[in-house]
N, C-alpha and C. Protein backbone atom coordinates (compact mmCIF):
# COMPACT_ATOMS: atom_id res chain seq x y z
N MET A 1 -12.45 -2.52 -13.60
CA MET A 1 -11.84 -1.64 -14.58
C MET A 1 -12.23 -0.20 -14.31
N GLN A 2 -13.46 0.01 -13.87
CA GLN A 2 -13.93 1.37 -13.59
C GLN A 2 -13.14 1.99 -12.45
N GLN A 3 -12.81 1.20 -11.43
CA GLN A 3 -12.04 1.72 -10.29
C GLN A 3 -10.66 2.18 -10.73
N LYS A 4 -10.01 1.40 -11.59
CA LYS A 4 -8.69 1.77 -12.07
C LYS A 4 -8.77 3.03 -12.92
N TYR A 5 -9.80 3.16 -13.74
CA TYR A 5 -9.97 4.34 -14.56
C TYR A 5 -10.18 5.57 -13.70
N ASN A 6 -10.99 5.44 -12.64
CA ASN A 6 -11.22 6.56 -11.74
C ASN A 6 -9.93 6.95 -11.02
N ASN A 7 -9.16 5.97 -10.61
CA ASN A 7 -7.89 6.25 -9.95
C ASN A 7 -6.92 6.94 -10.90
N LEU A 8 -6.90 6.51 -12.16
CA LEU A 8 -6.02 7.12 -13.15
C LEU A 8 -6.42 8.57 -13.42
N SER A 9 -7.72 8.81 -13.55
CA SER A 9 -8.16 10.19 -13.79
C SER A 9 -7.88 11.07 -12.57
N TYR A 10 -8.02 10.52 -11.38
CA TYR A 10 -7.69 11.29 -10.17
C TYR A 10 -6.19 11.60 -10.13
N THR A 11 -5.37 10.64 -10.48
CA THR A 11 -3.92 10.84 -10.51
C THR A 11 -3.54 11.91 -11.53
N LEU A 12 -4.10 11.81 -12.71
CA LEU A 12 -3.81 12.80 -13.74
C LEU A 12 -4.28 14.19 -13.33
N GLY A 13 -5.43 14.25 -12.68
CA GLY A 13 -5.93 15.53 -12.20
C GLY A 13 -5.00 16.15 -11.17
N THR A 14 -4.50 15.33 -10.28
CA THR A 14 -3.57 15.83 -9.26
C THR A 14 -2.27 16.30 -9.88
N VAL A 15 -1.76 15.55 -10.84
CA VAL A 15 -0.51 15.93 -11.50
C VAL A 15 -0.70 17.23 -12.28
N VAL A 16 -1.82 17.36 -12.97
CA VAL A 16 -2.09 18.59 -13.73
C VAL A 16 -2.22 19.78 -12.78
N ALA A 17 -2.89 19.58 -11.66
CA ALA A 17 -3.03 20.68 -10.69
C ALA A 17 -1.68 21.10 -10.12
N LEU A 18 -0.82 20.14 -9.83
CA LEU A 18 0.51 20.47 -9.33
C LEU A 18 1.36 21.15 -10.40
N ALA A 19 1.23 20.71 -11.64
CA ALA A 19 2.00 21.32 -12.72
C ALA A 19 1.54 22.75 -12.97
N GLU A 20 0.24 23.00 -12.89
CA GLU A 20 -0.27 24.36 -13.10
C GLU A 20 0.14 25.28 -11.97
N ALA A 21 0.29 24.75 -10.76
CA ALA A 21 0.71 25.56 -9.62
C ALA A 21 2.23 25.71 -9.56
N ASP A 22 2.93 25.13 -10.54
CA ASP A 22 4.39 25.17 -10.63
C ASP A 22 5.05 24.52 -9.39
N CYS A 23 4.42 23.45 -8.89
CA CYS A 23 4.96 22.70 -7.74
C CYS A 23 5.45 21.31 -8.15
N LEU A 24 5.42 21.04 -9.42
CA LEU A 24 5.76 19.70 -9.88
C LEU A 24 7.22 19.66 -10.34
N ASP A 25 8.06 19.10 -9.52
CA ASP A 25 9.46 18.90 -9.88
C ASP A 25 9.71 17.40 -9.94
N PRO A 26 9.94 16.83 -11.11
CA PRO A 26 10.08 15.38 -11.22
C PRO A 26 11.28 14.81 -10.48
N ARG A 27 12.22 15.66 -10.06
CA ARG A 27 13.36 15.17 -9.30
C ARG A 27 12.98 14.84 -7.86
N ILE A 28 11.94 15.51 -7.34
CA ILE A 28 11.56 15.29 -5.94
C ILE A 28 10.14 14.81 -5.76
N PHE A 29 9.40 14.64 -6.88
CA PHE A 29 8.01 14.19 -6.77
C PHE A 29 7.74 13.15 -7.84
N CYS A 30 7.25 11.99 -7.43
CA CYS A 30 6.91 10.92 -8.38
C CYS A 30 5.49 11.14 -8.87
N THR A 31 5.34 11.29 -10.17
CA THR A 31 4.01 11.53 -10.73
C THR A 31 3.18 10.27 -10.82
N LEU A 32 3.78 9.11 -10.68
CA LEU A 32 3.03 7.86 -10.73
C LEU A 32 2.52 7.44 -9.35
N CYS A 33 3.36 7.61 -8.33
CA CYS A 33 2.97 7.23 -6.97
C CYS A 33 2.32 8.38 -6.20
N LEU A 34 2.54 9.60 -6.67
CA LEU A 34 2.07 10.81 -5.99
C LEU A 34 2.66 10.92 -4.59
N VAL A 35 3.96 10.66 -4.49
CA VAL A 35 4.68 10.79 -3.22
C VAL A 35 5.96 11.57 -3.47
N ARG A 36 6.49 12.14 -2.39
CA ARG A 36 7.77 12.83 -2.47
C ARG A 36 8.87 11.78 -2.47
N LYS A 37 9.77 11.87 -3.43
CA LYS A 37 10.81 10.86 -3.59
C LYS A 37 12.01 11.18 -2.71
N PRO A 38 12.58 10.17 -2.04
CA PRO A 38 13.85 10.36 -1.34
C PRO A 38 14.99 10.49 -2.35
N LEU A 39 16.17 10.79 -1.87
CA LEU A 39 17.32 10.90 -2.76
C LEU A 39 17.64 9.57 -3.42
N ARG A 40 18.10 9.62 -4.65
CA ARG A 40 18.47 8.45 -5.45
C ARG A 40 17.35 7.43 -5.60
N SER A 41 16.12 7.86 -5.52
CA SER A 41 15.02 6.91 -5.69
C SER A 41 14.55 6.92 -7.13
N LYS A 42 14.02 5.79 -7.53
CA LYS A 42 13.49 5.63 -8.88
C LYS A 42 12.16 4.88 -8.76
N HIS A 43 11.35 5.04 -9.78
CA HIS A 43 10.08 4.32 -9.84
C HIS A 43 10.30 3.05 -10.65
N CYS A 44 10.06 1.91 -10.04
CA CYS A 44 10.23 0.63 -10.71
C CYS A 44 8.96 0.31 -11.50
N SER A 45 9.11 0.09 -12.78
CA SER A 45 7.93 -0.20 -13.60
C SER A 45 7.40 -1.61 -13.37
N ILE A 46 8.23 -2.50 -12.87
CA ILE A 46 7.79 -3.88 -12.62
C ILE A 46 7.03 -3.97 -11.30
N CYS A 47 7.58 -3.37 -10.24
CA CYS A 47 6.92 -3.38 -8.93
C CYS A 47 5.86 -2.30 -8.80
N ASP A 48 5.92 -1.29 -9.65
CA ASP A 48 5.01 -0.15 -9.65
C ASP A 48 5.05 0.59 -8.31
N CYS A 49 6.27 0.88 -7.85
CA CYS A 49 6.42 1.67 -6.63
C CYS A 49 7.78 2.38 -6.68
N CYS A 50 7.92 3.41 -5.85
CA CYS A 50 9.19 4.12 -5.75
C CYS A 50 10.08 3.41 -4.72
N VAL A 51 11.36 3.26 -5.08
CA VAL A 51 12.30 2.55 -4.22
C VAL A 51 13.44 3.49 -3.88
N ALA A 52 13.69 3.69 -2.58
CA ALA A 52 14.77 4.56 -2.14
C ALA A 52 16.11 3.90 -2.44
N LYS A 53 17.06 4.67 -2.92
CA LYS A 53 18.40 4.20 -3.32
C LYS A 53 18.28 2.98 -4.23
N TYR A 54 17.49 3.14 -5.27
CA TYR A 54 17.21 2.07 -6.22
C TYR A 54 18.50 1.58 -6.86
N ASP A 55 18.72 0.27 -6.83
CA ASP A 55 19.87 -0.33 -7.50
C ASP A 55 19.41 -1.04 -8.77
N HIS A 56 18.57 -2.05 -8.60
CA HIS A 56 18.02 -2.76 -9.74
C HIS A 56 16.85 -3.63 -9.29
N HIS A 57 16.10 -4.13 -10.26
CA HIS A 57 15.03 -5.08 -9.97
C HIS A 57 15.58 -6.47 -10.21
N CYS A 58 15.58 -7.28 -9.18
CA CYS A 58 16.12 -8.64 -9.27
C CYS A 58 14.99 -9.62 -9.54
N VAL A 59 15.09 -10.32 -10.68
CA VAL A 59 14.05 -11.29 -11.00
C VAL A 59 14.18 -12.57 -10.18
N TRP A 60 15.37 -12.82 -9.60
CA TRP A 60 15.57 -14.05 -8.84
C TRP A 60 14.85 -14.00 -7.50
N ILE A 61 14.73 -12.83 -6.91
CA ILE A 61 14.01 -12.71 -5.64
C ILE A 61 12.71 -11.94 -5.82
N ALA A 62 12.39 -11.54 -7.05
CA ALA A 62 11.14 -10.85 -7.41
C ALA A 62 10.92 -9.60 -6.58
N SER A 63 11.96 -8.80 -6.46
CA SER A 63 11.88 -7.58 -5.67
C SER A 63 12.93 -6.60 -6.16
N CYS A 64 12.74 -5.35 -5.78
CA CYS A 64 13.72 -4.32 -6.10
C CYS A 64 14.79 -4.29 -5.02
N ILE A 65 16.01 -4.04 -5.43
CA ILE A 65 17.12 -3.92 -4.49
C ILE A 65 17.32 -2.43 -4.24
N GLY A 66 17.19 -2.05 -2.97
CA GLY A 66 17.30 -0.65 -2.61
C GLY A 66 17.86 -0.48 -1.22
N ALA A 67 17.47 0.62 -0.59
CA ALA A 67 18.04 1.00 0.71
C ALA A 67 17.71 -0.01 1.81
N TRP A 68 16.53 -0.60 1.77
CA TRP A 68 16.09 -1.42 2.90
C TRP A 68 16.50 -2.87 2.81
N ASN A 69 16.88 -3.34 1.63
CA ASN A 69 17.22 -4.77 1.52
C ASN A 69 18.54 -5.03 0.82
N GLN A 70 19.37 -4.03 0.66
CA GLN A 70 20.64 -4.24 -0.02
C GLN A 70 21.58 -5.14 0.79
N ARG A 71 21.58 -5.00 2.10
CA ARG A 71 22.42 -5.85 2.96
C ARG A 71 22.02 -7.31 2.84
N TYR A 72 20.71 -7.58 2.78
CA TYR A 72 20.23 -8.95 2.66
C TYR A 72 20.55 -9.53 1.28
N PHE A 73 20.49 -8.68 0.26
CA PHE A 73 20.82 -9.14 -1.09
C PHE A 73 22.30 -9.50 -1.19
N VAL A 74 23.19 -8.69 -0.63
CA VAL A 74 24.61 -8.99 -0.64
C VAL A 74 24.89 -10.27 0.16
N SER A 75 24.19 -10.45 1.28
CA SER A 75 24.33 -11.70 2.05
C SER A 75 23.88 -12.90 1.22
N PHE A 76 22.78 -12.75 0.51
CA PHE A 76 22.28 -13.81 -0.36
C PHE A 76 23.32 -14.17 -1.42
N LEU A 77 23.93 -13.16 -2.04
CA LEU A 77 24.96 -13.43 -3.04
C LEU A 77 26.19 -14.12 -2.44
N PHE A 78 26.58 -13.69 -1.24
CA PHE A 78 27.73 -14.31 -0.56
C PHE A 78 27.47 -15.78 -0.27
N PHE A 79 26.30 -16.10 0.29
CA PHE A 79 26.00 -17.50 0.61
C PHE A 79 25.79 -18.33 -0.64
N LEU A 80 25.26 -17.73 -1.68
CA LEU A 80 25.12 -18.44 -2.94
C LEU A 80 26.49 -18.78 -3.53
N PHE A 81 27.41 -17.83 -3.49
CA PHE A 81 28.77 -18.07 -3.98
C PHE A 81 29.47 -19.14 -3.14
N THR A 82 29.30 -19.08 -1.80
CA THR A 82 29.89 -20.07 -0.91
C THR A 82 29.33 -21.46 -1.21
N PHE A 83 28.03 -21.55 -1.46
CA PHE A 83 27.40 -22.82 -1.77
C PHE A 83 27.93 -23.40 -3.08
N VAL A 84 28.12 -22.55 -4.08
CA VAL A 84 28.65 -23.01 -5.37
C VAL A 84 30.08 -23.52 -5.19
N LEU A 85 30.90 -22.82 -4.41
CA LEU A 85 32.26 -23.31 -4.15
C LEU A 85 32.25 -24.65 -3.42
N TRP A 86 31.39 -24.79 -2.43
CA TRP A 86 31.30 -26.02 -1.65
C TRP A 86 30.85 -27.18 -2.54
N MET A 87 29.85 -26.95 -3.41
CA MET A 87 29.39 -28.00 -4.31
C MET A 87 30.46 -28.36 -5.35
N SER A 88 31.21 -27.37 -5.81
CA SER A 88 32.29 -27.65 -6.76
C SER A 88 33.37 -28.50 -6.10
N TYR A 89 33.72 -28.18 -4.86
CA TYR A 89 34.71 -28.96 -4.11
C TYR A 89 34.20 -30.39 -3.90
N GLY A 90 32.93 -30.54 -3.52
CA GLY A 90 32.35 -31.87 -3.32
C GLY A 90 32.33 -32.68 -4.60
N THR A 91 32.04 -32.04 -5.72
CA THR A 91 32.04 -32.73 -7.01
C THR A 91 33.44 -33.18 -7.37
N PHE A 92 34.43 -32.33 -7.14
CA PHE A 92 35.83 -32.69 -7.42
C PHE A 92 36.27 -33.87 -6.56
N VAL A 93 35.95 -33.85 -5.28
CA VAL A 93 36.33 -34.96 -4.38
C VAL A 93 35.64 -36.24 -4.81
N TYR A 94 34.37 -36.18 -5.16
CA TYR A 94 33.63 -37.36 -5.58
C TYR A 94 34.24 -37.95 -6.84
N TRP A 95 34.52 -37.10 -7.83
CA TRP A 95 35.10 -37.60 -9.08
C TRP A 95 36.49 -38.19 -8.87
N SER A 96 37.25 -37.57 -7.99
CA SER A 96 38.61 -38.10 -7.77
C SER A 96 38.59 -39.43 -7.03
N LEU A 97 37.57 -39.70 -6.21
CA LEU A 97 37.50 -40.96 -5.47
C LEU A 97 36.79 -42.07 -6.25
N HIS A 98 35.76 -41.74 -7.02
CA HIS A 98 34.91 -42.75 -7.63
C HIS A 98 35.08 -42.89 -9.14
N CYS A 99 35.80 -42.04 -9.77
CA CYS A 99 35.99 -42.11 -11.22
C CYS A 99 37.48 -42.25 -11.52
N PRO A 100 37.95 -43.49 -11.65
CA PRO A 100 39.39 -43.64 -11.92
C PRO A 100 39.73 -43.16 -13.33
N THR A 101 40.93 -42.63 -13.44
CA THR A 101 41.38 -42.15 -14.75
C THR A 101 42.47 -43.01 -15.32
């Protein structure tokens, strides 16, 4: 707990020093991570990090969707949708063959 408190006081001290020097612009500097933010980046409160081109935090893959993994997330959604269609088709074929009406 002491380490976290020291880190928090150091962070607050750095933010106060930057604000007093008039160098603190929240559009280009994250006060939580103490890093320069890329364009369209946001700080995720769940992951506790800044994500470039932040889209959303996905609870299904336990990660933020941003610039580096958006292609993989769209692929995941495509294959998930394809799997659901395939299972629906298989269920329909099974019911039509094994469940007389």
